[in-house]
Every structure is written in C-alpha cells, then in structure tokens.
Amino acid sequence: MSRARIRLATAAVAAALAIGTLPASAYAAAAPGAGVSARHHQYQQQAETILQIPLQGAVNVRDIGGYRTWTGGKVRQGLVYRSDALSKLTDADVTTVSGLGLTKVVDFRIPMELQYDGADRLPTGLSPTARPVSDLGLYGTLVGAISSGDPVTQEQMLGGGRAEAYMRDIYRTFVSSPENRAQFAATLREIANGRQGPVLYHCTSGKDRTGWMSYVLLRALAVPEETAERDYLASNTFRAAYDARLRAGLKQSGRMQNPDLLIPLQEVRQDYLDAATAQMEADYGSFYGYLTQGLGLDLRTLAKLQDKMVR
C-alpha cells in the first residue's frame, strides 16, 4: 500500500472515530498506548487560543485552526476562516484579507441581506460565491420591526420569547432543509478538496449559519464536541461591544424604545445549537448520520478532509 493510501486509511479511522462509528478499542488498536480517554483528558488540560483576524470593518473574523482533536492531532491554521459580512471593510482591511491568500469566499447571506448590507469588499481578483442559507424571513422581520418605530409592534414581533423561538426554528432548518444542507455540504466538499486553497465562509453576523458550519466542520475533524461548542459560543465575546453600540444607536435615534428586544437575535446561545443537534438526532440518529445521509458526504470525503486539515 502506498504512503498516500496509508494516510488516507488512517484519516478514515480518525474520521469514523470522530463521528462515533468506531469503538474506543479500535482507536487503541490503531494507536497503541494512546487510548481515547487519555487523549481526551490531556486535551481538557490544555488551553487553546482562538486566532482572531483584527479588522476595522468586521468583528468576528477567525481562523478555525489550532484546536486539538481526539486523535492527538491539531487542526491546521491558514486554511479555513470564518467571519461576519465583509461589506464594510476598509482599504487597510482589504490589504489584511489579501494577506490570507484566500482562493474562495463563500457568502451564506440571502439576497435581501445583500440588498441592505452590500456586497463583500474583497481583494482584486477574488469574487464571493453566493450560497444562500435561509433565515426563515428573520432579516425581513427585523427590518420591519425596526422600521415601524412602534414599541408595541416591536414587542409583539420580538418580545415574550418570540425572538428566541424564531432562532431555534432557524437552527432546526440547518438540518431539516434540503436546500440548506446542500449549501453546507458543497462548502465542506470544497474544503476537503486538496487542490482548493484557503477558504473563508461567512453570513451577516458570522454567528448562526457560519457558527453551524464551523461546528459541523470542527466535529468532522475530530475536535471534541465541547470544544466545537465553545468555538460557537465565542461569537458572543467578539460581537458584544459592536452589538451594544448598535442597540444604543437605535435607542438614541428613537427607532427602538427597548432595543434589548434584539439581544436574543444578536447572541448565540447553547439552546439554539441544541435545537439543531436535537433535530439532527431526530432526523438522522447521530452526527455521522447527518454527515453521510443529510449532507451526502462519503467516508472518503471525510478522510480527505482529515488528511488536509489535521496534522
């Protein structure tokens, strides 16, 4: 067997382990003396730093690399980035983004978001790939609520737990919608392609559609579930100051008397992610079922993803 095929087979074992299709004994046999529980315990003791890309016109731009995996590897940096919308980048930001060496930018925003927020500002020669993922009309609802300027209307639309329920419904569609699944699957296949250079994907805030994409990718790379969750929840840290300024501006302008109604829409929350993972288990039985049946990824593609992204 060639070295390339050996690496691919090893990566397949790692991919299968990450999605729960092999018992711990199988990993122990593949890597004597390095059982899953020992690796997991070692990982939990290690502090890891999220690599943020500092920009003026976007606040939630990160390299997804640097995380350790159950299998003792580490996700490579410089290959995949996640971000919020890039429509407000400054000239200096564009220069910084150019230094990332991106070969593809995937935009999960729907047309209405592009209409209001504008297209991405990117380095010369780089054009975004439109890959819209539905928000169930949330953006339009939000624009309508703010535009009304009526506190009663805004409370009726967003208050009383309605905003939170809306978010949970959106997350469920990341799993249940065939169209949404197709967009996530296409992005994962491109990342797995050994000939594809560095990729960046984003939505408007870089937290929900982008957050789910990152959660799925990290788990497919054998990053522990708890770590993938922490990466997802980190958007609250990166977005907090910007979102607070936005709420203050809406109140000062008189457009919202109670801008805190927006907080459930601005934040990521564990129960939003739980809504998606519960839907995943209901529809496909497991994370592996979602990857293979829901997203249509075969084990060879998952192995290629491991081989490219984990060292």
Protein backbone atom coordinates (compact mmCIF):
# COMPACT_ATOMS: atom_id res chain seq x y z
CA MET A 1 0.00 0.00 0.00
CA SER A 2 1.36 3.47 -0.91
CA ARG A 3 2.05 6.11 1.72
CA ALA A 4 -0.79 8.23 0.36
CA ARG A 5 -3.22 5.36 0.73
CA ILE A 6 -1.94 4.62 4.24
CA ARG A 7 -2.51 8.25 5.22
CA LEU A 8 -5.98 8.15 3.72
CA ALA A 9 -6.84 4.96 5.57
CA THR A 10 -5.55 6.42 8.84
CA ALA A 11 -7.58 9.56 8.26
CA ALA A 12 -10.65 7.42 7.61
CA VAL A 13 -10.20 5.78 11.02
CA ALA A 14 -9.91 9.24 12.59
CA ALA A 15 -12.99 10.48 10.76
CA ALA A 16 -15.00 7.45 11.79
CA LEU A 17 -13.89 7.83 15.41
CA ALA A 18 -14.85 11.49 15.45
CA ILE A 19 -18.40 10.73 14.35
CA GLY A 20 -18.88 7.84 16.69
CA THR A 21 -18.79 4.85 14.36
CA LEU A 22 -15.82 3.06 15.92
CA PRO A 23 -15.46 1.86 19.50
CA ALA A 24 -12.61 3.20 21.62
CA SER A 25 -10.85 -0.15 21.26
CA ALA A 26 -10.50 0.41 17.53
CA TYR A 27 -8.60 3.64 18.14
CA ALA A 28 -6.49 1.99 20.82
CA ALA A 29 -5.53 -0.70 18.32
CA ALA A 30 -4.63 1.90 15.71
CA ALA A 31 -2.52 3.93 18.15
CA PRO A 32 -1.18 1.68 20.94
CA GLY A 33 -0.75 3.37 24.28
CA ALA A 34 -2.86 6.36 23.36
CA GLY A 35 -6.44 5.49 24.30
CA VAL A 36 -9.33 7.85 23.68
CA SER A 37 -9.94 8.62 27.35
CA ALA A 38 -6.28 9.51 27.94
CA ARG A 39 -6.19 11.75 24.87
CA HIS A 40 -9.44 13.43 25.88
CA HIS A 41 -8.21 14.06 29.42
CA GLN A 42 -4.96 15.51 28.09
CA TYR A 43 -6.87 17.78 25.76
CA GLN A 44 -9.08 19.10 28.53
CA GLN A 45 -6.00 20.30 30.42
CA GLN A 46 -4.72 22.37 27.53
CA ALA A 47 -5.69 26.00 26.99
CA GLU A 48 -6.17 26.95 23.37
CA THR A 49 -6.32 30.40 21.86
CA ILE A 50 -8.76 31.42 19.15
CA LEU A 51 -6.89 33.20 16.37
CA GLN A 52 -8.81 36.37 15.52
CA ILE A 53 -8.06 38.38 12.38
CA PRO A 54 -8.30 42.03 13.52
CA LEU A 55 -10.26 44.17 11.06
CA GLN A 56 -11.99 47.53 11.39
CA GLY A 57 -14.99 46.69 9.22
CA ALA A 58 -15.73 43.20 10.59
CA VAL A 59 -15.56 42.00 14.17
CA ASN A 60 -15.98 38.22 14.10
CA VAL A 61 -13.20 37.05 11.76
CA ARG A 62 -11.30 33.97 12.89
CA ASP A 63 -9.06 31.15 11.75
CA ILE A 64 -10.78 27.86 12.64
CA GLY A 65 -7.40 26.16 13.09
CA GLY A 66 -5.45 25.50 16.27
CA TYR A 67 -7.84 23.13 18.03
CA ARG A 68 -6.64 19.72 19.15
CA THR A 69 -8.51 16.59 18.16
CA TRP A 70 -9.45 13.43 19.97
CA THR A 71 -6.93 11.59 17.85
CA GLY A 72 -3.96 13.62 19.06
CA GLY A 73 -3.73 15.88 16.03
CA LYS A 74 -4.23 19.59 15.64
CA VAL A 75 -6.36 21.48 13.11
CA ARG A 76 -4.11 23.33 10.69
CA GLN A 77 -4.22 27.10 10.60
CA GLY A 78 -4.27 29.23 7.48
CA LEU A 79 -6.68 27.00 5.54
CA VAL A 80 -10.20 27.92 6.66
CA TYR A 81 -11.55 31.19 8.04
CA ARG A 82 -14.99 32.19 9.34
CA SER A 83 -16.32 35.74 9.51
CA ASP A 84 -19.20 38.14 9.59
CA ALA A 85 -20.07 40.15 6.45
CA LEU A 86 -17.16 41.76 4.62
CA SER A 87 -19.14 44.58 3.01
CA LYS A 88 -17.77 47.30 5.32
CA LEU A 89 -14.07 46.52 5.09
CA THR A 90 -11.69 49.47 4.96
CA ASP A 91 -8.83 49.68 2.47
CA ALA A 92 -6.49 48.52 5.23
CA ASP A 93 -8.82 45.59 5.94
CA VAL A 94 -8.75 44.55 2.29
CA THR A 95 -4.96 44.54 2.43
CA THR A 96 -5.08 42.35 5.56
CA VAL A 97 -7.53 39.95 3.91
CA SER A 98 -5.30 39.82 0.84
CA GLY A 99 -2.52 38.54 3.09
CA LEU A 100 -4.62 35.49 4.00
CA GLY A 101 -4.14 34.13 0.48
CA LEU A 102 -7.82 33.27 0.06
CA THR A 103 -8.87 31.41 -3.07
CA LYS A 104 -12.59 31.24 -2.26
CA VAL A 105 -15.09 33.27 -0.24
CA VAL A 106 -18.49 31.67 0.41
CA ASP A 107 -21.37 34.01 1.29
CA PHE A 108 -24.31 32.38 3.13
CA ARG A 109 -26.41 35.58 3.07
CA ILE A 110 -29.77 35.75 1.30
CA PRO A 111 -30.40 38.40 -1.42
CA MET A 112 -32.24 40.74 0.96
CA GLU A 113 -29.20 40.90 3.22
CA LEU A 114 -27.02 41.77 0.25
CA GLN A 115 -29.50 44.44 -0.78
CA TYR A 116 -29.36 46.17 2.61
CA ASP A 117 -25.79 45.46 3.67
CA GLY A 118 -23.98 45.45 0.35
CA ALA A 119 -21.66 43.00 -1.37
CA ASP A 120 -18.34 41.92 0.08
CA ARG A 121 -15.28 44.12 -0.38
CA LEU A 122 -12.55 41.74 -1.40
CA PRO A 123 -9.03 41.84 -2.80
CA THR A 124 -8.74 42.27 -6.56
CA GLY A 125 -9.40 39.04 -8.42
CA LEU A 126 -11.46 37.45 -5.66
CA SER A 127 -15.26 37.23 -6.04
CA PRO A 128 -17.67 35.79 -3.47
CA THR A 129 -19.59 32.60 -4.18
CA ALA A 130 -23.25 33.12 -3.31
CA ARG A 131 -24.53 30.15 -1.34
CA PRO A 132 -27.62 31.47 0.48
CA VAL A 133 -28.90 29.66 3.56
CA SER A 134 -32.45 30.54 4.57
CA ASP A 135 -33.11 32.62 7.69
CA LEU A 136 -36.88 31.85 7.56
CA GLY A 137 -37.54 35.53 6.86
CA LEU A 138 -35.86 36.76 10.04
CA TYR A 139 -33.94 39.55 8.34
CA GLY A 140 -37.11 40.92 6.78
CA THR A 141 -38.94 40.63 10.10
CA LEU A 142 -36.14 42.51 11.83
CA VAL A 143 -36.08 45.28 9.24
CA GLY A 144 -39.86 45.61 9.50
CA ALA A 145 -39.84 45.74 13.30
CA ILE A 146 -37.15 48.43 13.45
CA SER A 147 -38.63 50.44 10.57
CA SER A 148 -42.03 50.56 12.29
CA GLY A 149 -40.58 52.63 15.14
CA ASP A 150 -43.55 51.44 17.19
CA PRO A 151 -42.69 49.96 20.61
CA VAL A 152 -45.95 47.99 20.74
CA THR A 153 -45.38 46.43 17.31
CA GLN A 154 -41.78 45.64 18.17
CA GLU A 155 -42.82 43.96 21.42
CA GLN A 156 -45.47 41.95 19.59
CA MET A 157 -42.95 40.81 16.98
CA LEU A 158 -39.91 40.13 19.15
CA GLY A 159 -40.94 40.04 22.80
CA GLY A 160 -42.35 37.34 25.03
CA GLY A 161 -39.84 34.71 23.92
CA ARG A 162 -40.79 35.05 20.26
CA ALA A 163 -37.30 36.07 19.15
CA GLU A 164 -35.76 33.08 20.91
CA ALA A 165 -38.33 30.71 19.37
CA TYR A 166 -37.59 32.19 15.94
CA MET A 167 -33.89 31.47 16.39
CA ARG A 168 -34.50 27.88 17.44
CA ASP A 169 -36.67 27.36 14.35
CA ILE A 170 -33.91 28.74 12.12
CA TYR A 171 -31.35 26.39 13.62
CA ARG A 172 -33.62 23.41 13.04
CA THR A 173 -33.73 24.25 9.34
CA PHE A 174 -29.94 23.97 9.13
CA VAL A 175 -30.67 20.26 9.46
CA SER A 176 -34.17 19.80 8.07
CA SER A 177 -34.00 21.92 4.90
CA PRO A 178 -32.58 20.09 1.84
CA GLU A 179 -31.57 23.44 0.31
CA ASN A 180 -29.65 24.50 3.41
CA ARG A 181 -27.97 21.13 3.73
CA ALA A 182 -26.83 21.36 0.11
CA GLN A 183 -25.07 24.68 0.79
CA PHE A 184 -23.21 23.38 3.82
CA ALA A 185 -22.29 20.14 2.02
CA ALA A 186 -20.90 21.97 -1.00
CA THR A 187 -18.69 24.06 1.27
CA LEU A 188 -17.36 21.02 3.13
CA ARG A 189 -16.55 19.25 -0.16
CA GLU A 190 -14.60 22.29 -1.35
CA ILE A 191 -12.64 22.46 1.89
CA ALA A 192 -11.83 18.74 1.58
CA ASN A 193 -10.52 19.20 -1.97
CA GLY A 194 -6.74 19.01 -1.82
CA ARG A 195 -6.44 21.41 -4.76
CA GLN A 196 -8.57 24.09 -3.06
CA GLY A 197 -6.58 26.86 -1.40
CA PRO A 198 -7.62 28.80 1.73
CA VAL A 199 -11.38 29.30 2.12
CA LEU A 200 -13.43 31.85 4.05
CA TYR A 201 -17.17 31.49 4.64
CA HIS A 202 -19.50 33.99 6.28
CA CYS A 203 -23.04 35.24 6.79
CA THR A 204 -24.13 38.64 8.17
CA SER A 205 -23.03 38.38 11.81
CA GLY A 206 -20.78 35.33 11.43
CA LYS A 207 -22.52 33.52 14.26
CA ASP A 208 -25.54 31.42 13.22
CA ARG A 209 -25.16 29.98 9.71
CA THR A 210 -21.41 30.48 9.98
CA GLY A 211 -21.47 29.14 13.53
CA TRP A 212 -23.26 25.95 12.50
CA MET A 213 -20.90 25.45 9.54
CA SER A 214 -17.91 25.77 11.87
CA TYR A 215 -19.42 23.47 14.48
CA VAL A 216 -20.01 20.77 11.86
CA LEU A 217 -16.57 21.18 10.34
CA LEU A 218 -14.74 21.02 13.66
CA ARG A 219 -16.63 17.94 14.79
CA ALA A 220 -15.98 16.26 11.44
CA LEU A 221 -12.28 16.90 12.08
CA ALA A 222 -12.49 15.01 15.41
CA VAL A 223 -12.44 18.14 17.56
CA PRO A 224 -14.30 17.29 20.81
CA GLU A 225 -17.94 18.35 20.90
CA GLU A 226 -17.36 20.59 23.92
CA THR A 227 -14.61 22.46 22.10
CA ALA A 228 -16.76 22.93 19.00
CA GLU A 229 -19.47 24.35 21.26
CA ARG A 230 -17.02 26.80 22.84
CA ASP A 231 -15.94 27.97 19.40
CA TYR A 232 -19.61 28.54 18.54
CA LEU A 233 -20.32 30.47 21.75
CA ALA A 234 -17.20 32.64 21.32
CA SER A 235 -19.13 34.82 18.86
CA ASN A 236 -20.74 36.48 21.90
CA THR A 237 -17.31 37.67 23.02
CA PHE A 238 -16.26 39.00 19.64
CA ARG A 239 -19.58 40.69 18.86
CA ALA A 240 -20.57 42.06 22.29
CA ALA A 241 -19.20 45.61 22.00
CA TYR A 242 -20.38 46.12 18.41
CA ASP A 243 -23.87 44.83 19.16
CA ALA A 244 -24.16 47.00 22.28
CA ARG A 245 -23.27 50.08 20.22
CA LEU A 246 -25.92 49.12 17.67
CA ARG A 247 -28.59 48.88 20.37
CA ALA A 248 -27.52 52.20 21.87
CA GLY A 249 -27.71 53.84 18.46
CA LEU A 250 -31.22 52.53 17.82
CA LYS A 251 -32.41 53.88 21.17
CA GLN A 252 -30.72 57.24 20.70
CA SER A 253 -32.25 57.62 17.25
CA GLY A 254 -35.71 56.87 18.60
CA ARG A 255 -36.24 53.85 16.38
CA MET A 256 -36.44 51.44 19.31
CA GLN A 257 -37.59 52.24 22.81
CA ASN A 258 -36.45 48.84 24.04
CA PRO A 259 -33.53 47.71 21.88
CA ASP A 260 -32.86 44.87 24.32
CA LEU A 261 -35.53 43.03 22.34
CA LEU A 262 -32.73 42.42 19.85
CA ILE A 263 -30.41 40.63 22.27
CA PRO A 264 -31.81 37.12 21.58
CA LEU A 265 -31.20 37.76 17.87
CA GLN A 266 -27.73 39.21 18.37
CA GLU A 267 -26.43 36.45 20.63
CA VAL A 268 -25.60 32.82 20.10
CA ARG A 269 -26.98 30.52 22.76
CA GLN A 270 -26.49 26.92 23.73
CA ASP A 271 -30.19 26.20 23.36
CA TYR A 272 -30.11 27.41 19.74
CA LEU A 273 -27.32 24.96 18.98
CA ASP A 274 -29.17 22.29 20.95
CA ALA A 275 -32.23 22.81 18.74
CA ALA A 276 -30.13 21.97 15.67
CA THR A 277 -28.41 18.96 17.23
CA ALA A 278 -31.75 17.62 18.53
CA GLN A 279 -33.16 17.92 15.00
CA MET A 280 -30.06 16.16 13.71
CA GLU A 281 -30.58 13.23 16.06
CA ALA A 282 -34.30 13.07 15.30
CA ASP A 283 -33.76 13.05 11.53
CA TYR A 284 -30.51 11.09 11.21
CA GLY A 285 -29.88 9.39 14.54
CA SER A 286 -26.38 10.81 15.04
CA PHE A 287 -23.82 13.30 13.83
CA TYR A 288 -22.47 10.64 11.49
CA GLY A 289 -25.95 10.18 10.02
CA TYR A 290 -26.21 13.91 9.39
CA LEU A 291 -22.83 13.98 7.65
CA THR A 292 -23.43 10.93 5.46
CA GLN A 293 -27.18 10.95 4.88
CA GLY A 294 -28.09 14.60 5.43
CA LEU A 295 -25.05 16.16 3.76
CA GLY A 296 -24.27 13.22 1.46
CA LEU A 297 -20.59 13.03 2.42
CA ASP A 298 -18.97 9.62 1.99
CA LEU A 299 -16.18 8.33 4.20
CA ARG A 300 -13.57 9.06 1.53
CA THR A 301 -14.52 12.74 1.55
CA LEU A 302 -14.37 12.82 5.35
CA ALA A 303 -10.97 11.16 5.23
CA LYS A 304 -9.72 13.72 2.68
CA LEU A 305 -10.98 16.45 5.00
CA GLN A 306 -8.97 14.96 7.85
CA ASP A 307 -5.88 14.44 5.72
CA LYS A 308 -5.89 18.05 4.55
CA MET A 309 -6.96 19.83 7.73
CA VAL A 310 -5.35 17.90 10.60
CA ARG A 311 -1.64 17.49 11.29
